[in-house]
Amino acid sequence: MINVKNVSKNFGKLQVLKDVSCEIKKGEKVVIIGPSGSGKSTLLRCMNLLEKPSSGEVWLDNKLISDMDIYLHDDLILKSNIYHKKLNKFIEEEKININQLSRFEQLKIIEEIKKEKQIKPILENKIFKKEKRAFLKENCLNINDARKKMGMCFQHFNLFNNLSIINNLILAPVSLHLMSKQEAIEKATSLLQRIGLYEKKDEYPSKLSGGQKQRVAIIRSLCMNPEVMLFDEPTSALDPEMVGEVLNLMKDLAHDGMTMVVVTHEMGFAKEISSRVLFMDEGKIMEEGSPNDIFLHPKSPRLIDFLSKVL
């Protein structure tokens, strides 16, 4: 469903993500854990392009939603000017016929180009440009269309304080013409009843507790009928007594079959709900596996050390 391919992210000279790859399959509940500053939230935000990857690609339902990374496409590199320049030099130095070029030697040239990263698409030959255009036409999905499929829940709710709860919920589906106003109200009403906050529909966010705000923020995303939900530390800004009511709603979503990617420090939730856990540190996925693999049989010393401090 979501495929992250060799994604790196730099903020100035600071590299926060380092060549990260992972795949989220439909119906999975993937929990991302790790110390603060390990790149967890940045990875999540790259999945729906709230942060634009510095390199690498993000795919949703087999469609490219990020910029194309030329260096992930060997077939395109083969069409480039620099490849032909290096190929001709190699043939001349080795005094061989082009038909004698082995696949290994071809791949060696490609890897050299990937390391140098000198391809400038705007200056490339016509064949290269034509192949690139054809690829993008066939495989791209507009990010606005992609975000209709991905709900996002943040640490600090991000509700509109000048709108009532019901108007917070119907704003996006009505503005994006996904539903009529009446359909959106019916959907929002049903979700408010589900979380026990229907009587708050005409209140403003300032009148709600932190736990209530976060539950409203979650169902606001559900009003868009997303295929996957992304949660960025949804309980970190809550008082301890409010954490349970938010986690219970997330557990309900998991049991309903929602595809979920969750960045969290709630290890109990990760153990109970996740189908797979990713452990990140220093901008990389250091270890991944089932909850039993990660929590009962950790392999890397870094994960063992991390769990000794949080469990």
Protein backbone atom coordinates (compact mmCIF):
# COMPACT_ATOMS: atom_id res chain seq x y z
CA MET A 1 0.00 0.00 0.00
CA ILE A 2 2.70 2.49 1.07
CA ASN A 3 6.17 1.82 -0.25
CA VAL A 4 9.07 3.95 0.97
CA LYS A 5 12.13 3.44 -1.24
CA ASN A 6 15.59 4.59 -0.14
CA VAL A 7 14.31 7.80 1.41
CA SER A 8 16.76 10.28 2.90
CA LYS A 9 15.82 13.62 4.43
CA ASN A 10 18.15 16.51 5.18
CA PHE A 11 17.42 19.68 7.11
CA GLY A 12 20.35 21.82 6.06
CA LYS A 13 23.48 19.87 6.99
CA LEU A 14 21.58 17.59 9.37
CA GLN A 15 20.60 14.25 7.84
CA VAL A 16 17.53 13.01 9.71
CA LEU A 17 16.68 10.01 7.51
CA LYS A 18 19.38 7.86 5.93
CA ASP A 19 18.34 5.69 2.99
CA VAL A 20 15.22 4.30 4.68
CA SER A 21 13.09 1.67 2.95
CA CYS A 22 9.92 0.04 4.25
CA GLU A 23 6.57 -1.23 2.98
CA ILE A 24 3.18 -0.93 4.66
CA LYS A 25 0.73 -3.54 3.41
CA LYS A 26 -3.05 -3.15 3.38
CA GLY A 27 -4.54 -4.06 6.75
CA GLU A 28 -1.24 -3.88 8.63
CA LYS A 29 -0.83 -2.07 11.93
CA VAL A 30 2.77 -0.87 11.90
CA VAL A 31 4.16 0.82 14.99
CA ILE A 32 7.38 2.83 14.82
CA ILE A 33 9.37 3.10 18.04
CA GLY A 34 12.74 4.56 18.96
CA PRO A 35 14.41 7.32 20.95
CA SER A 36 13.63 10.99 20.42
CA GLY A 37 15.43 12.37 17.37
CA SER A 38 15.69 9.00 15.65
CA GLY A 39 13.65 10.12 12.61
CA LYS A 40 10.31 8.45 13.43
CA SER A 41 8.06 11.46 12.89
CA THR A 42 10.04 12.62 9.86
CA LEU A 43 9.57 9.21 8.23
CA LEU A 44 5.83 9.37 8.90
CA ARG A 45 5.59 12.90 7.48
CA CYS A 46 7.51 11.83 4.38
CA MET A 47 4.88 9.15 3.76
CA ASN A 48 2.29 11.80 2.91
CA LEU A 49 4.81 14.44 1.79
CA LEU A 50 4.28 16.85 4.66
CA GLU A 51 8.06 16.59 4.47
CA LYS A 52 9.53 16.23 1.00
CA PRO A 53 12.25 13.55 0.78
CA SER A 54 15.70 14.84 -0.16
CA SER A 55 16.18 11.64 -2.15
CA GLY A 56 14.32 8.38 -2.65
CA GLU A 57 10.66 7.83 -3.49
CA VAL A 58 7.29 7.29 -1.82
CA TRP A 59 4.63 5.17 -3.52
CA LEU A 60 0.96 4.70 -2.62
CA ASP A 61 -1.06 1.88 -4.18
CA ASN A 62 1.67 1.37 -6.79
CA LYS A 63 1.61 5.05 -7.78
CA LEU A 64 4.48 7.50 -7.26
CA ILE A 65 3.44 10.42 -5.04
CA SER A 66 6.86 11.98 -4.41
CA ASP A 67 9.31 13.39 -6.92
CA MET A 68 10.97 10.77 -9.08
CA ASP A 69 14.47 9.76 -7.98
CA ILE A 70 16.34 9.04 -11.21
CA TYR A 71 19.00 7.05 -9.37
CA LEU A 72 16.46 4.38 -8.41
CA HIS A 73 15.76 3.60 -12.07
CA ASP A 74 18.56 1.73 -13.82
CA ASP A 75 16.68 1.63 -17.12
CA LEU A 76 16.60 5.42 -17.18
CA ILE A 77 20.26 5.76 -16.20
CA LEU A 78 21.11 3.57 -19.20
CA LYS A 79 19.62 6.27 -21.45
CA SER A 80 21.61 9.12 -19.92
CA ASN A 81 24.43 11.06 -21.51
CA ILE A 82 26.80 10.32 -18.65
CA TYR A 83 26.22 6.58 -18.96
CA HIS A 84 27.12 6.62 -22.65
CA LYS A 85 30.15 8.80 -21.90
CA LYS A 86 31.41 6.37 -19.27
CA LEU A 87 30.53 3.38 -21.43
CA ASN A 88 32.51 4.69 -24.39
CA LYS A 89 35.47 5.45 -22.13
CA PHE A 90 35.36 1.93 -20.67
CA ILE A 91 35.17 0.29 -24.10
CA GLU A 92 38.07 2.40 -25.32
CA GLU A 93 40.24 1.63 -22.29
CA GLU A 94 39.47 -2.09 -22.29
CA LYS A 95 39.64 -2.33 -26.09
CA ILE A 96 36.47 -4.41 -26.30
CA ASN A 97 33.39 -4.44 -28.50
CA ILE A 98 30.17 -3.14 -26.97
CA ASN A 99 28.64 -6.59 -27.50
CA GLN A 100 31.28 -8.01 -25.17
CA LEU A 101 30.14 -5.84 -22.28
CA SER A 102 28.95 -8.02 -19.42
CA ARG A 103 25.96 -7.28 -17.20
CA PHE A 104 28.34 -7.00 -14.26
CA GLU A 105 30.37 -4.31 -16.04
CA GLN A 106 27.18 -2.49 -16.99
CA LEU A 107 25.99 -2.50 -13.38
CA LYS A 108 29.39 -1.28 -12.23
CA ILE A 109 29.05 1.79 -14.46
CA ILE A 110 25.49 2.37 -13.18
CA GLU A 111 26.62 2.17 -9.54
CA GLU A 112 29.42 4.65 -10.25
CA ILE A 113 26.86 7.09 -11.67
CA LYS A 114 24.61 6.62 -8.63
CA LYS A 115 27.48 7.54 -6.31
CA GLU A 116 28.43 10.61 -8.33
CA LYS A 117 24.84 11.84 -8.80
CA GLN A 118 25.73 14.03 -11.76
CA ILE A 119 22.68 13.49 -13.99
CA LYS A 120 20.94 16.79 -14.80
CA PRO A 121 17.59 15.88 -16.40
CA ILE A 122 17.04 19.28 -17.99
CA LEU A 123 20.30 18.90 -19.94
CA GLU A 124 19.73 15.28 -20.95
CA ASN A 125 19.17 13.81 -24.40
CA LYS A 126 15.75 13.44 -26.05
CA ILE A 127 15.48 9.69 -25.43
CA PHE A 128 16.14 10.16 -21.70
CA LYS A 129 13.55 12.94 -21.45
CA LYS A 130 10.99 10.95 -23.42
CA GLU A 131 11.44 7.88 -21.21
CA LYS A 132 11.14 9.98 -18.07
CA ARG A 133 7.95 11.69 -19.27
CA ALA A 134 6.42 8.34 -20.19
CA PHE A 135 7.28 6.90 -16.78
CA LEU A 136 5.77 9.84 -14.89
CA LYS A 137 2.61 9.83 -17.03
CA GLU A 138 2.11 6.13 -16.35
CA ASN A 139 3.00 6.00 -12.65
CA CYS A 140 2.30 9.33 -10.90
CA LEU A 141 -0.53 10.17 -8.50
CA ASN A 142 -1.23 13.78 -7.56
CA ILE A 143 -0.42 14.36 -3.89
CA ASN A 144 -3.82 15.95 -3.22
CA ASP A 145 -5.51 12.79 -4.49
CA ALA A 146 -3.12 10.70 -2.41
CA ARG A 147 -3.92 12.63 0.77
CA LYS A 148 -7.60 11.84 0.32
CA LYS A 149 -6.60 8.23 0.95
CA MET A 150 -4.39 9.00 3.97
CA GLY A 151 -5.68 10.37 7.24
CA MET A 152 -3.19 12.09 9.55
CA CYS A 153 -3.40 12.62 13.28
CA PHE A 154 -0.90 14.96 14.94
CA GLN A 155 0.40 15.42 18.48
CA HIS A 156 -1.42 18.72 19.03
CA PHE A 157 -4.83 18.03 17.45
CA ASN A 158 -4.75 20.90 14.89
CA LEU A 159 -8.46 21.57 15.22
CA PHE A 160 -9.81 24.92 14.02
CA ASN A 161 -10.62 26.83 17.20
CA ASN A 162 -13.03 29.20 15.42
CA LEU A 163 -15.23 26.34 14.19
CA SER A 164 -17.64 24.18 16.14
CA ILE A 165 -16.84 20.48 16.43
CA ILE A 166 -19.36 19.49 13.75
CA ASN A 167 -18.00 22.14 11.37
CA ASN A 168 -14.44 20.95 12.02
CA LEU A 169 -15.56 17.49 10.94
CA ILE A 170 -17.44 18.41 7.76
CA LEU A 171 -15.06 21.10 6.47
CA ALA A 172 -12.71 18.90 4.44
CA PRO A 173 -15.16 16.45 2.83
CA VAL A 174 -17.47 19.30 1.80
CA SER A 175 -14.67 21.64 0.61
CA LEU A 176 -13.13 18.85 -1.47
CA HIS A 177 -16.54 17.90 -2.90
CA LEU A 178 -16.27 14.35 -1.56
CA MET A 179 -19.72 14.58 0.03
CA SER A 180 -22.69 16.88 0.12
CA LYS A 181 -23.06 18.89 3.31
CA GLN A 182 -25.90 16.65 4.46
CA GLU A 183 -23.90 13.48 3.79
CA ALA A 184 -20.94 14.92 5.69
CA ILE A 185 -23.14 15.86 8.65
CA GLU A 186 -24.58 12.35 8.75
CA LYS A 187 -21.11 10.83 8.65
CA ALA A 188 -19.81 13.20 11.34
CA THR A 189 -22.85 12.59 13.53
CA SER A 190 -22.35 8.84 13.33
CA LEU A 191 -18.68 9.14 14.29
CA LEU A 192 -19.40 11.52 17.18
CA GLN A 193 -21.95 9.05 18.51
CA ARG A 194 -19.37 6.28 18.19
CA ILE A 195 -16.90 8.11 20.46
CA GLY A 196 -19.56 9.37 22.86
CA LEU A 197 -19.22 13.05 22.02
CA TYR A 198 -22.37 13.75 20.04
CA GLU A 199 -23.60 16.18 22.70
CA LYS A 200 -20.44 18.27 22.08
CA LYS A 201 -21.14 18.77 18.36
CA ASP A 202 -21.98 22.47 18.69
CA GLU A 203 -19.20 23.22 21.19
CA TYR A 204 -15.85 24.75 20.23
CA PRO A 205 -12.52 22.93 20.72
CA SER A 206 -11.58 25.17 23.67
CA LYS A 207 -14.42 23.54 25.64
CA LEU A 208 -12.99 20.01 25.23
CA SER A 209 -10.40 18.14 27.24
CA GLY A 210 -7.18 17.05 25.55
CA GLY A 211 -8.41 13.49 25.17
CA GLN A 212 -11.69 14.68 23.66
CA LYS A 213 -9.84 16.95 21.22
CA GLN A 214 -7.62 14.12 20.05
CA ARG A 215 -10.57 11.77 19.54
CA VAL A 216 -12.30 14.48 17.50
CA ALA A 217 -9.10 14.97 15.50
CA ILE A 218 -9.04 11.24 14.71
CA ILE A 219 -12.64 11.08 13.56
CA ARG A 220 -12.11 14.26 11.52
CA SER A 221 -9.69 12.19 9.44
CA LEU A 222 -12.19 9.31 9.35
CA CYS A 223 -14.77 11.64 7.82
CA MET A 224 -12.66 11.49 4.64
CA ASN A 225 -13.03 7.68 4.48
CA PRO A 226 -9.25 7.16 4.34
CA GLU A 227 -7.64 3.87 3.36
CA VAL A 228 -4.78 4.33 5.82
CA MET A 229 -4.31 6.36 9.02
CA LEU A 230 -1.01 7.89 10.08
CA PHE A 231 -0.60 8.76 13.77
CA ASP A 232 2.27 10.97 14.93
CA GLU A 233 2.62 10.42 18.69
CA PRO A 234 -1.11 11.02 19.24
CA THR A 235 -0.93 10.72 23.04
CA SER A 236 2.31 12.58 23.78
CA ALA A 237 0.56 15.90 24.52
CA LEU A 238 -2.08 14.35 26.79
CA ASP A 239 -2.28 14.03 30.55
CA PRO A 240 -1.85 10.39 31.64
CA GLU A 241 -5.53 9.92 32.51
CA MET A 242 -6.55 10.97 29.00
CA VAL A 243 -4.24 8.60 27.14
CA GLY A 244 -6.48 5.56 27.58
CA GLU A 245 -9.54 7.02 25.85
CA VAL A 246 -7.49 7.87 22.73
CA LEU A 247 -5.74 4.50 22.65
CA ASN A 248 -9.08 2.73 23.00
CA LEU A 249 -10.38 4.50 19.88
CA MET A 250 -7.22 3.54 18.01
CA LYS A 251 -7.64 -0.06 19.14
CA ASP A 252 -11.20 -0.02 17.81
CA LEU A 253 -9.91 1.19 14.44
CA ALA A 254 -7.29 -1.55 14.42
CA HIS A 255 -9.89 -4.21 15.16
CA ASP A 256 -12.04 -2.81 12.34
CA GLY A 257 -9.20 -3.55 9.90
CA MET A 258 -7.91 -0.03 9.29
CA THR A 259 -4.38 0.14 7.88
CA MET A 260 -2.39 2.12 10.45
CA VAL A 261 1.12 3.52 10.87
CA VAL A 262 1.72 4.78 14.40
CA VAL A 263 4.68 6.62 15.89
CA THR A 264 4.37 6.20 19.64
CA HIS A 265 6.13 5.80 22.97
CA GLU A 266 3.25 3.65 24.27
CA MET A 267 4.94 0.25 24.35
CA GLY A 268 1.86 -1.52 25.74
CA PHE A 269 -0.17 -0.32 22.76
CA ALA A 270 2.59 -1.44 20.39
CA LYS A 271 2.65 -4.92 21.91
CA GLU A 272 -1.13 -5.33 21.86
CA ILE A 273 -2.15 -3.87 18.52
CA SER A 274 0.76 -3.93 16.08
CA SER A 275 1.24 -6.56 13.42
CA ARG A 276 4.80 -5.29 12.91
CA VAL A 277 7.15 -3.02 14.83
CA LEU A 278 9.94 -0.88 13.34
CA PHE A 279 12.73 0.26 15.65
CA MET A 280 14.51 3.41 14.46
CA ASP A 281 17.70 5.02 15.64
CA GLU A 282 20.00 7.61 14.06
CA GLY A 283 17.79 7.99 10.99
CA LYS A 284 17.68 4.29 10.11
CA ILE A 285 15.42 1.30 10.67
CA MET A 286 17.72 -0.76 12.87
CA GLU A 287 15.41 -3.72 13.43
CA GLU A 288 11.88 -4.82 12.54
CA GLY A 289 9.65 -7.75 13.26
CA SER A 290 6.54 -8.96 15.06
CA PRO A 291 5.82 -7.60 18.55
CA ASN A 292 7.17 -10.87 19.99
CA ASP A 293 10.36 -10.57 17.93
CA ILE A 294 10.98 -6.98 18.98
CA PHE A 295 9.92 -7.03 22.63
CA LEU A 296 10.78 -10.60 23.66
CA HIS A 297 13.69 -11.47 21.35
CA PRO A 298 15.50 -8.24 20.38
CA LYS A 299 18.71 -8.82 18.44
CA SER A 300 20.61 -5.56 18.17
CA PRO A 301 22.40 -4.18 21.24
CA ARG A 302 20.86 -0.75 20.55
CA LEU A 303 17.31 -2.13 20.70
CA ILE A 304 18.10 -4.13 23.83
CA ASP A 305 19.43 -0.96 25.47
CA PHE A 306 16.40 1.08 24.36
CA LEU A 307 13.89 -1.46 25.70
CA SER A 308 15.71 -1.68 29.04
CA LYS A 309 14.93 2.02 29.52
CA VAL A 310 11.29 2.11 28.40
CA LEU A 311 9.82 -1.19 29.63
